[in-house]
N, C-alpha and C. Protein backbone atom coordinates (compact mmCIF):
# COMPACT_ATOMS: atom_id res chain seq x y z
N MET A 1 0.87 -0.93 0.24
CA MET A 1 0.27 -0.44 -0.11
C MET A 1 0.55 1.38 0.00
N ASN A 2 0.26 2.24 -0.58
CA ASN A 2 0.68 3.41 -0.66
C ASN A 2 0.68 4.29 0.91
N ILE A 3 1.21 5.43 0.83
CA ILE A 3 0.89 6.06 1.70
C ILE A 3 -0.65 7.10 1.96
N ASP A 4 -0.93 7.04 0.52
CA ASP A 4 -2.93 7.75 0.75
C ASP A 4 -3.16 6.76 0.93
N GLU A 5 -3.23 5.57 0.39
CA GLU A 5 -3.82 4.53 0.48
C GLU A 5 -4.22 3.91 2.15
N LEU A 6 -2.55 4.08 2.68
CA LEU A 6 -3.09 4.13 4.15
C LEU A 6 -3.78 5.12 4.74
N ALA A 7 -3.82 6.01 4.26
CA ALA A 7 -4.54 7.06 4.81
C ALA A 7 -6.26 7.28 4.97
N ILE A 8 -6.64 6.68 3.99
CA ILE A 8 -7.91 6.49 3.47
C ILE A 8 -8.07 5.26 4.23
N LYS A 9 -7.38 4.05 4.25
CA LYS A 9 -8.11 2.98 5.58
C LYS A 9 -7.43 3.36 6.94
N GLU A 10 -7.15 4.57 7.32
CA GLU A 10 -6.94 5.12 8.77
C GLU A 10 -8.44 5.64 8.93
N GLN A 11 -8.78 6.27 8.07
CA GLN A 11 -9.94 7.42 7.67
C GLN A 11 -11.19 6.35 7.65
N ASN A 12 -11.40 4.96 7.21
CA ASN A 12 -12.42 4.47 7.29
C ASN A 12 -12.32 3.73 8.66
N LEU A 13 -11.52 3.40 9.10
CA LEU A 13 -11.25 2.70 10.42
C LEU A 13 -11.76 3.48 11.31
N TYR A 14 -11.51 4.83 11.56
CA TYR A 14 -11.80 5.98 12.37
C TYR A 14 -13.39 6.16 12.32
N SER A 15 -13.96 5.85 11.17
CA SER A 15 -15.54 6.29 11.01
C SER A 15 -16.02 5.16 11.41
N ILE A 16 -15.35 4.36 11.70
CA ILE A 16 -16.39 2.86 12.38
C ILE A 16 -15.95 2.99 13.92
N VAL A 17 -15.05 3.41 14.08
CA VAL A 17 -14.99 3.78 15.51
C VAL A 17 -15.84 4.54 16.53
N ILE A 18 -15.47 5.56 15.82
CA ILE A 18 -16.51 6.58 16.19
C ILE A 18 -18.20 6.29 16.25
N LYS A 19 -19.11 5.23 15.43
CA LYS A 19 -19.69 5.26 15.75
C LYS A 19 -20.38 3.87 16.70
N LEU A 20 -19.48 3.36 17.21
CA LEU A 20 -19.48 2.31 18.15
C LEU A 20 -20.37 2.86 19.45
N GLU A 21 -20.88 1.96 20.12
CA GLU A 21 -21.86 2.33 20.92
C GLU A 21 -21.86 0.88 21.98
N GLY A 22 -22.13 1.59 23.31
CA GLY A 22 -22.05 1.29 24.53
C GLY A 22 -20.82 1.65 25.85
N THR A 23 -20.63 0.74 26.35
CA THR A 23 -19.76 1.21 27.73
C THR A 23 -18.77 1.67 26.99
N ILE A 24 -17.51 2.14 27.68
CA ILE A 24 -15.91 1.94 27.41
C ILE A 24 -15.54 0.25 27.51
N GLU A 25 -16.10 -0.65 28.20
CA GLU A 25 -15.25 -1.89 27.70
C GLU A 25 -15.70 -2.54 26.67
N GLU A 26 -16.91 -2.08 26.41
CA GLU A 26 -17.92 -2.62 25.40
C GLU A 26 -17.47 -2.46 24.16
N LYS A 27 -17.11 -0.92 23.84
CA LYS A 27 -16.05 -0.36 22.93
C LYS A 27 -14.94 -0.69 22.51
N SER A 28 -14.35 -1.15 24.06
CA SER A 28 -12.91 -1.62 23.84
C SER A 28 -12.74 -3.01 23.18
N ASP A 29 -14.03 -3.71 23.62
CA ASP A 29 -14.03 -5.02 23.71
C ASP A 29 -14.33 -4.98 21.88
N LYS A 30 -14.78 -4.03 21.45
CA LYS A 30 -15.59 -4.40 19.94
C LYS A 30 -14.24 -3.79 19.09
N VAL A 31 -13.54 -2.89 19.55
CA VAL A 31 -12.06 -2.30 18.33
C VAL A 31 -11.26 -3.63 18.32
N VAL A 32 -11.46 -4.95 19.38
CA VAL A 32 -10.79 -5.91 18.63
C VAL A 32 -11.44 -7.08 18.40
N TYR A 33 -12.47 -6.71 18.94
CA TYR A 33 -13.48 -7.91 18.13
C TYR A 33 -13.79 -7.91 16.48
N PHE A 34 -14.20 -6.72 16.05
CA PHE A 34 -14.15 -5.96 14.65
C PHE A 34 -12.65 -6.31 14.01
N GLY A 35 -11.31 -6.02 14.60
CA GLY A 35 -10.63 -6.02 14.10
C GLY A 35 -9.79 -5.16 13.82
N ILE A 36 -10.19 -3.80 13.90
CA ILE A 36 -9.90 -2.94 14.12
C ILE A 36 -8.25 -2.28 14.80
N THR A 37 -8.07 -2.96 15.97
CA THR A 37 -6.79 -2.72 16.41
C THR A 37 -5.66 -3.58 15.42
N LYS A 38 -6.04 -4.82 14.97
CA LYS A 38 -5.18 -5.38 14.45
C LYS A 38 -5.67 -4.64 13.08
N GLU A 39 -6.19 -4.41 12.40
CA GLU A 39 -5.57 -3.25 11.12
C GLU A 39 -5.16 -2.39 11.56
N TYR A 40 -5.00 -1.37 12.56
CA TYR A 40 -3.98 -0.33 12.89
C TYR A 40 -2.43 -0.80 13.02
N ARG A 41 -2.67 -2.04 13.47
CA ARG A 41 -1.50 -2.86 13.96
C ARG A 41 -0.13 -2.80 12.07
N GLU A 42 -1.41 -3.28 11.77
CA GLU A 42 -0.89 -3.82 9.86
C GLU A 42 -0.77 -2.46 9.15
N ILE A 43 -1.52 -1.25 9.43
CA ILE A 43 -1.37 0.07 9.09
C ILE A 43 0.45 0.33 9.65
N HIS A 44 0.44 0.64 10.52
CA HIS A 44 1.82 0.66 11.14
C HIS A 44 2.60 -0.05 10.45
N GLN A 45 2.90 -1.58 10.69
CA GLN A 45 3.94 -2.17 9.94
C GLN A 45 3.85 -1.76 8.54
N GLU A 46 3.27 -0.93 7.95
CA GLU A 46 3.15 -0.93 6.71
C GLU A 46 3.99 0.65 6.13
N TYR A 47 3.30 1.33 6.87
CA TYR A 47 4.20 2.95 7.43
C TYR A 47 5.55 2.60 8.14
N SER A 48 6.22 1.71 8.86
CA SER A 48 6.81 1.21 9.41
C SER A 48 8.23 0.67 7.81
N ARG A 49 7.59 0.07 7.15
CA ARG A 49 8.48 -0.12 5.80
C ARG A 49 8.40 0.88 4.89
N LEU A 50 7.36 1.65 4.81
CA LEU A 50 8.08 3.17 3.95
C LEU A 50 8.91 3.89 4.58
N ALA A 51 9.05 3.78 5.71
CA ALA A 51 9.43 4.88 6.35
C ALA A 51 11.34 5.28 5.98
N LYS A 52 11.55 3.83 6.08
CA LYS A 52 12.85 4.27 5.42
C LYS A 52 13.35 4.86 4.10
N SER A 53 12.54 5.48 3.44
CA SER A 53 12.80 5.98 2.09
C SER A 53 11.73 7.21 2.43
N ASP A 54 10.87 7.27 3.26
CA ASP A 54 9.25 8.58 3.00
C ASP A 54 9.47 8.80 4.50
N LEU A 55 9.87 10.29 4.27
CA LEU A 55 9.49 11.07 5.67
C LEU A 55 8.42 11.17 6.60
N GLU A 56 7.61 11.50 5.20
CA GLU A 56 5.91 11.30 6.06
C GLU A 56 5.18 9.89 6.39
N ALA A 57 5.70 8.97 5.79
CA ALA A 57 5.54 7.38 6.48
C ALA A 57 6.23 7.35 8.21
N LEU A 58 7.11 7.98 8.33
CA LEU A 58 8.20 8.00 9.87
C LEU A 58 6.87 8.54 10.38
N LYS A 59 6.80 9.60 10.21
CA LYS A 59 5.96 10.84 10.94
C LYS A 59 4.91 10.02 11.15
N ARG A 60 4.31 9.13 10.48
CA ARG A 60 2.70 8.78 10.88
C ARG A 60 3.20 7.71 11.62
N ALA A 61 3.92 7.25 11.63
CA ALA A 61 4.27 5.80 12.28
C ALA A 61 4.56 6.00 13.86
N LEU A 62 5.53 7.24 13.69
CA LEU A 62 5.94 7.72 14.81
C LEU A 62 4.41 8.32 15.92
N PHE A 63 3.91 9.02 15.29
CA PHE A 63 2.26 9.39 15.80
C PHE A 63 1.71 8.28 16.38
N LEU A 64 1.57 7.26 15.39
CA LEU A 64 0.60 5.87 15.98
C LEU A 64 1.21 5.51 17.19
N MET A 65 2.62 5.69 17.07
CA MET A 65 3.41 4.54 18.78
C MET A 65 2.83 5.40 19.20
N TRP A 66 2.89 6.95 19.04
CA TRP A 66 2.70 7.80 20.58
C TRP A 66 1.14 7.86 21.21
N TYR A 67 0.41 8.04 20.26
CA TYR A 67 -1.55 7.49 19.80
C TYR A 67 -1.62 6.61 21.05
N SER A 68 -0.75 5.50 20.35
CA SER A 68 -1.31 4.61 20.96
C SER A 68 -1.52 4.26 22.56
N LYS A 69 -0.02 4.70 23.24
CA LYS A 69 -0.04 4.72 24.39
C LYS A 69 -0.69 6.08 25.36
N SER A 70 -0.93 7.12 24.33
CA SER A 70 -1.56 8.43 24.78
C SER A 70 -2.89 8.55 24.95
N GLU A 71 -3.54 7.50 24.41
CA GLU A 71 -5.05 7.83 24.07
C GLU A 71 -5.89 5.92 24.35
N THR A 72 -6.82 5.82 24.58
CA THR A 72 -7.25 4.56 24.79
C THR A 72 -7.56 4.20 23.44
N ASP A 73 -7.80 2.58 23.33
CA ASP A 73 -8.09 2.15 22.26
C ASP A 73 -9.63 2.28 21.40
N TRP A 74 -9.87 2.09 22.48
CA TRP A 74 -11.74 2.36 22.06
C TRP A 74 -12.08 3.72 21.45
N LEU A 75 -11.27 4.27 22.14
CA LEU A 75 -11.46 6.14 21.41
C LEU A 75 -11.10 6.16 19.95
N THR A 76 -9.70 5.65 19.38
CA THR A 76 -8.59 5.87 18.82
C THR A 76 -8.83 4.59 17.35
N GLY A 77 -9.60 3.59 17.98
CA GLY A 77 -9.14 2.36 17.32
C GLY A 77 -7.89 1.41 17.43
N VAL A 78 -6.82 2.76 18.10
CA VAL A 78 -5.76 2.37 17.76
C VAL A 78 -4.73 1.36 19.27
N GLY A 79 -4.30 0.39 19.04
CA GLY A 79 -4.15 -0.91 20.33
C GLY A 79 -2.46 -0.87 20.00
N VAL A 80 -2.28 -1.70 20.48
CA VAL A 80 -0.72 -2.11 21.01
C VAL A 80 -0.27 -2.86 19.30
N LEU A 81 0.98 -2.33 19.57
CA LEU A 81 1.49 -2.56 18.03
C LEU A 81 2.45 -2.96 17.94
N ASP A 82 2.80 -3.60 16.74
CA ASP A 82 3.91 -4.11 16.79
C ASP A 82 5.41 -3.64 16.62
N GLU A 83 6.01 -4.62 18.01
CA GLU A 83 7.32 -4.21 18.53
C GLU A 83 8.38 -3.95 17.54
N GLU A 84 8.75 -4.63 16.78
CA GLU A 84 9.61 -4.78 15.84
C GLU A 84 9.60 -3.46 14.94
N SER A 85 8.13 -3.30 14.49
CA SER A 85 8.06 -2.10 13.37
C SER A 85 8.35 -1.01 14.42
N GLU A 86 8.19 -0.91 15.52
CA GLU A 86 8.44 0.31 16.42
C GLU A 86 9.96 0.51 16.73
N GLU A 87 10.44 -0.73 16.84
CA GLU A 87 11.90 -0.53 16.88
C GLU A 87 12.81 -0.34 15.57
N SER A 88 11.70 -0.88 14.65
CA SER A 88 12.74 0.06 13.26
C SER A 88 12.39 1.45 12.75
N ILE A 89 11.25 2.02 13.44
CA ILE A 89 10.58 3.27 13.33
C ILE A 89 11.81 4.35 14.16
N VAL A 90 12.13 4.10 15.38
CA VAL A 90 13.33 4.68 16.39
C VAL A 90 14.38 4.49 15.58
N GLU A 91 14.96 3.40 15.33
CA GLU A 91 16.13 3.23 14.84
C GLU A 91 16.46 4.01 13.60
N ILE A 92 15.23 3.93 12.48
CA ILE A 92 15.16 5.42 11.63
C ILE A 92 15.41 6.32 11.69
N LEU A 93 14.85 6.69 12.55
CA LEU A 93 14.55 8.22 13.49
C LEU A 93 15.49 8.44 14.14
N ASP A 94 16.39 7.51 14.79
CA ASP A 94 17.64 7.79 15.36
C ASP A 94 18.80 7.87 14.26
N ARG A 95 18.47 7.76 13.12
CA ARG A 95 19.96 7.82 12.39
C ARG A 95 19.42 9.31 11.63
N ARG A 96 18.41 9.54 11.49
CA ARG A 96 17.82 10.52 10.82
C ARG A 96 18.73 11.58 11.94
N LEU A 97 18.42 11.49 13.19
CA LEU A 97 18.68 12.70 14.20
C LEU A 97 20.22 12.82 14.26
N LYS A 98 20.71 11.16 13.45
CA LYS A 98 22.55 11.53 14.55
C LYS A 98 22.95 12.35 12.88
N ARG A 99 22.36 11.90 11.48
CA ARG A 99 22.68 13.26 10.70
C ARG A 99 22.27 14.29 10.69
N GLY A 100 21.23 14.76 11.20
CA GLY A 100 20.53 16.45 11.37
C GLY A 100 19.86 16.05 9.80
N ILE A 101 18.74 14.98 9.95
CA ILE A 101 17.88 14.98 8.38
C ILE A 101 16.79 14.88 9.19
N THR A 102 16.46 16.12 9.25
CA THR A 102 14.56 16.24 9.89
C THR A 102 13.99 17.29 9.04
N ASP A 103 12.89 17.61 9.38
CA ASP A 103 12.71 18.59 9.29
C ASP A 103 11.78 19.57 10.00
N ASN A 104 11.10 20.41 9.89
CA ASN A 104 10.71 21.63 10.98
C ASN A 104 9.57 20.94 11.41
N GLU A 105 8.55 20.30 10.56
CA GLU A 105 7.53 19.78 11.28
C GLU A 105 7.34 18.34 12.27
N LEU A 106 8.60 17.56 11.50
CA LEU A 106 9.07 16.17 12.51
C LEU A 106 10.06 17.31 13.98
N ASP A 107 10.52 18.09 14.14
CA ASP A 107 11.40 18.12 15.01
C ASP A 107 9.89 19.16 15.80
N TRP A 108 8.74 19.62 15.65
CA TRP A 108 7.95 19.68 16.43
C TRP A 108 7.34 19.02 16.84
N MET A 109 6.60 17.74 16.33
CA MET A 109 6.58 16.99 16.80
C MET A 109 6.84 15.79 18.02
N LEU A 110 8.39 15.84 17.80
CA LEU A 110 8.92 15.39 18.57
C LEU A 110 9.17 16.03 19.71
N ASP A 111 8.94 17.18 20.42
CA ASP A 111 9.35 17.85 21.16
C ASP A 111 8.12 18.01 21.74
N TYR A 112 6.57 17.52 20.86
CA TYR A 112 5.26 18.11 21.63
C TYR A 112 5.02 16.51 22.36
N TYR A 113 5.82 15.15 21.64
CA TYR A 113 5.99 14.00 22.28
C TYR A 113 6.90 13.86 23.40
N SER A 114 7.72 14.59 23.45
CA SER A 114 8.84 14.55 24.65
C SER A 114 8.43 14.62 25.87
N GLY A 115 6.78 15.20 25.89
CA GLY A 115 6.21 16.11 27.03
C GLY A 115 5.81 14.99 28.02
N TRP A 116 5.99 13.78 27.23
CA TRP A 116 5.18 12.56 28.16
C TRP A 116 6.84 11.34 28.15
N ASP A 117 7.25 11.64 29.06
CA ASP A 117 8.18 11.22 29.11
C ASP A 117 8.32 9.33 29.13
N TYR A 118 7.05 8.59 29.67
CA TYR A 118 7.14 7.27 29.61
C TYR A 118 7.09 6.94 28.31
N MET A 119 6.92 7.61 27.53
CA MET A 119 6.39 6.57 25.77
C MET A 119 7.35 6.05 25.53
N PHE A 120 8.31 6.71 25.12
CA PHE A 120 9.62 6.20 24.63
C PHE A 120 10.59 5.51 25.04
N GLU A 121 10.31 5.16 26.76
CA GLU A 121 11.46 4.64 27.71
C GLU A 121 11.82 3.75 27.00
N ARG A 122 10.95 2.84 26.34
CA ARG A 122 12.02 1.72 26.03
C ARG A 122 12.83 1.60 24.82
N PHE A 123 13.03 2.34 24.66
CA PHE A 123 14.00 3.48 23.55
C PHE A 123 15.20 3.59 24.03
N GLY A 124 15.56 3.12 25.00
CA GLY A 124 16.82 3.60 25.28
C GLY A 124 18.01 3.45 24.93
N ASP A 125 18.25 2.54 24.24
CA ASP A 125 19.29 2.45 23.49
C ASP A 125 19.62 3.14 22.21
N PHE A 126 18.71 3.70 22.00
CA PHE A 126 18.89 4.81 20.79
C PHE A 126 19.14 6.09 21.70
N LYS A 127 20.43 6.75 21.50
CA LYS A 127 21.10 7.94 21.89
C LYS A 127 20.32 8.88 21.36
N ASN A 128 20.48 9.05 20.12
CA ASN A 128 20.25 10.55 19.32
C ASN A 128 18.69 10.79 19.85
N PHE A 129 18.10 9.45 19.78
CA PHE A 129 16.32 9.81 19.77
C PHE A 129 16.21 10.16 21.28
N GLN A 130 17.04 9.87 22.00
CA GLN A 130 16.66 9.94 23.33
C GLN A 130 17.35 11.26 23.99
N ASN A 131 18.52 11.77 23.79
CA ASN A 131 18.67 12.80 23.37
C ASN A 131 17.94 14.01 23.19
N ARG A 132 17.43 13.66 22.07
CA ARG A 132 16.36 14.80 21.36
C ARG A 132 14.99 14.96 22.19
N LEU A 133 14.89 13.85 22.60
CA LEU A 133 13.31 13.84 23.53
C LEU A 133 14.02 14.87 24.79
N LYS A 134 15.31 14.59 25.16
CA LYS A 134 15.56 15.34 26.63
C LYS A 134 16.06 16.35 26.41
N SER A 135 16.47 17.14 25.33
CA SER A 135 17.10 18.26 24.82
C SER A 135 16.13 19.68 25.39
N LYS A 136 16.65 20.51 25.97
CA LYS A 136 15.86 21.75 26.53
C LYS A 136 15.57 22.76 25.50
N SER A 137 16.70 23.07 24.33
CA SER A 137 15.89 23.73 23.22
C SER A 137 14.76 23.03 22.60
N LYS A 138 13.43 23.91 22.32
CA LYS A 138 12.54 23.33 21.81
C LYS A 138 12.30 23.43 20.68
N THR A 139 11.75 23.16 19.46
CA THR A 139 11.28 23.95 18.91
C THR A 139 9.25 24.16 18.86
N GLU A 140 8.93 25.05 18.90
CA GLU A 140 7.27 25.21 19.34
C GLU A 140 6.67 25.00 18.28
N LEU A 141 5.25 24.82 17.99
CA LEU A 141 4.24 23.64 17.13
C LEU A 141 4.21 25.57 16.76
N PRO A 142 3.89 25.59 15.38
CA PRO A 142 3.56 26.59 14.55
C PRO A 142 2.26 27.17 14.50
N ASP A 143 1.95 28.75 14.57
CA ASP A 143 0.38 28.77 14.98
C ASP A 143 -0.42 28.86 14.32
N GLU A 144 0.06 28.17 12.87
CA GLU A 144 -0.87 27.43 12.60
C GLU A 144 -0.70 26.21 11.02
N ILE A 145 -1.26 25.89 10.42
CA ILE A 145 -1.03 24.44 10.10
C ILE A 145 -2.01 24.01 8.48
N ASP A 146 -1.60 23.85 7.82
CA ASP A 146 -2.67 23.48 6.33
C ASP A 146 -3.33 22.45 6.89
N ARG A 147 -4.94 23.08 7.27
CA ARG A 147 -5.85 21.92 7.83
C ARG A 147 -6.30 21.40 6.98
N MET A 148 -6.44 21.45 5.67
CA MET A 148 -7.07 20.86 4.49
C MET A 148 -6.01 19.81 3.88
N LYS A 149 -4.72 20.23 4.06
CA LYS A 149 -3.25 18.92 3.80
C LYS A 149 -3.56 18.11 5.17
N MET A 150 -3.80 18.15 5.87
CA MET A 150 -3.95 17.51 7.39
C MET A 150 -5.22 16.52 7.19
N GLU A 151 -6.06 17.01 6.84
CA GLU A 151 -7.41 16.16 7.02
C GLU A 151 -6.70 14.48 6.03
N GLN A 152 -5.51 14.69 4.84
CA GLN A 152 -5.52 13.80 4.25
C GLN A 152 -4.11 12.79 4.84
N ARG A 153 -3.99 12.88 6.49
CA ARG A 153 -3.49 12.44 6.77
C ARG A 153 -3.19 11.42 7.91
N GLY A 154 -4.04 10.74 7.66
CA GLY A 154 -5.12 9.84 8.59
C GLY A 154 -5.21 10.26 9.66
N GLN A 155 -5.15 9.36 11.07
CA GLN A 155 -5.12 9.61 12.52
C GLN A 155 -4.30 11.14 12.93
N MET A 156 -2.70 11.05 12.42
CA MET A 156 -2.15 12.41 12.53
C MET A 156 -2.95 13.24 11.99
N GLY A 157 -3.22 13.58 10.56
CA GLY A 157 -3.74 14.89 10.91
C GLY A 157 -4.98 15.20 11.51
N ARG A 158 -5.81 14.07 12.06
CA ARG A 158 -7.07 14.08 12.50
C ARG A 158 -6.82 14.80 13.84
N TYR A 159 -5.62 14.55 14.33
CA TYR A 159 -5.34 14.83 15.81
C TYR A 159 -4.63 16.31 15.82
N TRP A 160 -3.62 16.27 14.99
CA TRP A 160 -3.25 17.81 14.72
C TRP A 160 -4.41 19.01 14.47
N ASN A 161 -5.48 18.49 13.64
CA ASN A 161 -6.30 19.35 13.18
C ASN A 161 -7.43 20.11 14.70
N SER A 162 -7.46 18.56 15.86
CA SER A 162 -8.48 19.01 16.58
C SER A 162 -7.39 20.19 17.85
N LEU A 163 -6.27 19.80 17.77
CA LEU A 163 -6.00 20.99 18.32
C LEU A 163 -6.48 22.37 18.49
N THR A 164 -6.74 22.77 19.58
CA THR A 164 -7.30 23.95 19.84
C THR A 164 -6.91 24.82 19.07
N ARG A 165 -5.26 25.10 19.59
CA ARG A 165 -4.44 25.81 18.90
C ARG A 165 -4.43 26.46 17.49
N PHE A 166 -4.83 25.18 16.52
CA PHE A 166 -5.11 25.20 15.12
C PHE A 166 -6.49 25.16 14.87
N ASN A 167 -7.15 25.82 15.55
CA ASN A 167 -8.66 25.65 15.10
C ASN A 167 -8.81 27.22 15.26
N LYS A 168 -9.46 28.19 13.79
CA LYS A 168 -9.17 29.12 13.49
C LYS A 168 -10.65 29.93 15.06
N GLU A 169 -11.71 29.08 14.93
CA GLU A 169 -12.79 29.78 15.11
C GLU A 169 -12.64 29.86 16.75
N THR A 170 -11.42 28.93 17.60
CA THR A 170 -11.52 28.96 18.86
C THR A 170 -9.79 29.73 19.09
N SER A 171 -9.47 30.53 18.40
CA SER A 171 -7.54 30.86 18.51
C SER A 171 -8.07 32.32 18.58
N SER A 172 -9.42 32.78 17.77
CA SER A 172 -9.49 34.19 18.01
C SER A 172 -9.39 34.63 19.05
């Protein structure tokens, strides 16, 4: 699958998740029963494969890693991800950081994620990644984003678009 197909698949899965009814426990059971968490795991694995040569795939895979730990599966559909894929993502990112091959968006994303200390603690062997997360100098989130383009970027785009900071109606 290519990155655009993966984004569409993510959007389709999320549209199912938001329609689930029941208690939190029932919704959590349903995302597993209907295979949604499994499909997100596969999407993440595909992003991991693409990330070697595609910065956008790297960003989306890293986002899903963070999201799987910061939000519950009944709310997002994203459950436990494949550890090998996660390790591959962090390894790719660690190499990019060592060589200084990032962009402004990845920098502010990393700094945003760094506020949750425990999220990436199991990746302690990746020193460039860990040092970046612990860095005192931070790249601030931008004042605005291209919300239309974000809509095309799967759960990652949906999340960034949901932040009040980027919502024109609430930031006036």
